[in-house]
């Protein structure tokens, strides 16, 4: 349902995408995992016809983003990093409006809105509260519901849980899982390993604009090679000394200062495990727990990209602020990379509504077709609307 071959995109001197290759079969959930600035959202913008690729072949539901953008949009639902809901309308009014934008009769739009509000566990506040009073997790579920009002065969979710608290994230996962069970083809971009492991049938890791690994969670873990050492440093012992000792005897040693958990790759298996324990003892570091185990996806991510997904996700979460209703509000976040080039930030909801796939425009699937403008360096203007009417 989604086919990407040789996709490249450059903004001035910055190579945002460098030959992306990805196939997403019908009815599957494909995770696209990578740190900030890796190319996830630039890929999404090409798939949604907001950006025209410099090179490569990209199709969605069998339609080219270059030559049949109107058909791509007819078959595509999108939920971006920011919940694109109208705060002044109720949940029911929001979904009814979206249905009418898709060309549904009002009676059809109302019936579909009721169905989705029930499915996404929002029916208790559907009429009584404006969406502006919803928590971050509730807004996210309403946004996901809006993405599937017209029952599109393909749905793209661009970092749908960034900035949400654990409860909001769990609720959003439940909503995404309901999409998967309905047979919808889903492309999910995320920085969270647990999210990809939980939701995706297959995971592609993107870094520096290229896919560097792909497979199931089990297959990716196997690429990390062998067992890992997992040690909890006892209270009172020096964590920095423990990390230094482990790094003298093992590869890829990391220390989570909050949990005091030390991990390292056990090249050599049990011999490496014993060597680390001896090194800790020599450094007068006491151990509370110690074990050998199979690698986690976070350790796979470290080996592939040079940083952990926890570190990558922390940047986005640090920019979110509490919305006063139990979940973080992420509307004002920014995820520009260190070079100042975007490609990883979606339009703010106050200035851009959901990509509506009514297909009334017959031009090719480029930025002009969706109402987006380009800045001098070729990057789309983030203040432009993305509604196609």
Foldseek 3Di string as FASTA:
>chain_A
DKFWFQFWDAQFPATQAGTAGDDFDFLFEEEEAEFFSLQQLLVVCLLQLQAPTPDTFIDDPRHTLFQQNLVSLLQEFEDAQAQQFDQQAFLLVRQLVLLVLLVDDSVLSNVLSCVLCVVLVNNVRRHPHGNNPDFRLVSLSSSVSSRCSVPHLEYEYHASCQQWDPVSVVSVLSSLVVCSVVRRGYYYYHLDQVSCLPGGQKYFYTGSNYTPDIGHQVVLLVVLPFKKKKFAWDPPFDLVLLQVLLVVQFAPWDADVVRSIIMGHQPVPPVSQVSSVVSCVVSVIDTPDIDIGGDGVQSSCCVRHVHGSVVSSVQRNVQWDGPPHRITRRQPTARQDPVRDHSRDAARSVQEHTQRSSSPFNHRSHSVQQQWDADPSGHTDSNTYRYHD
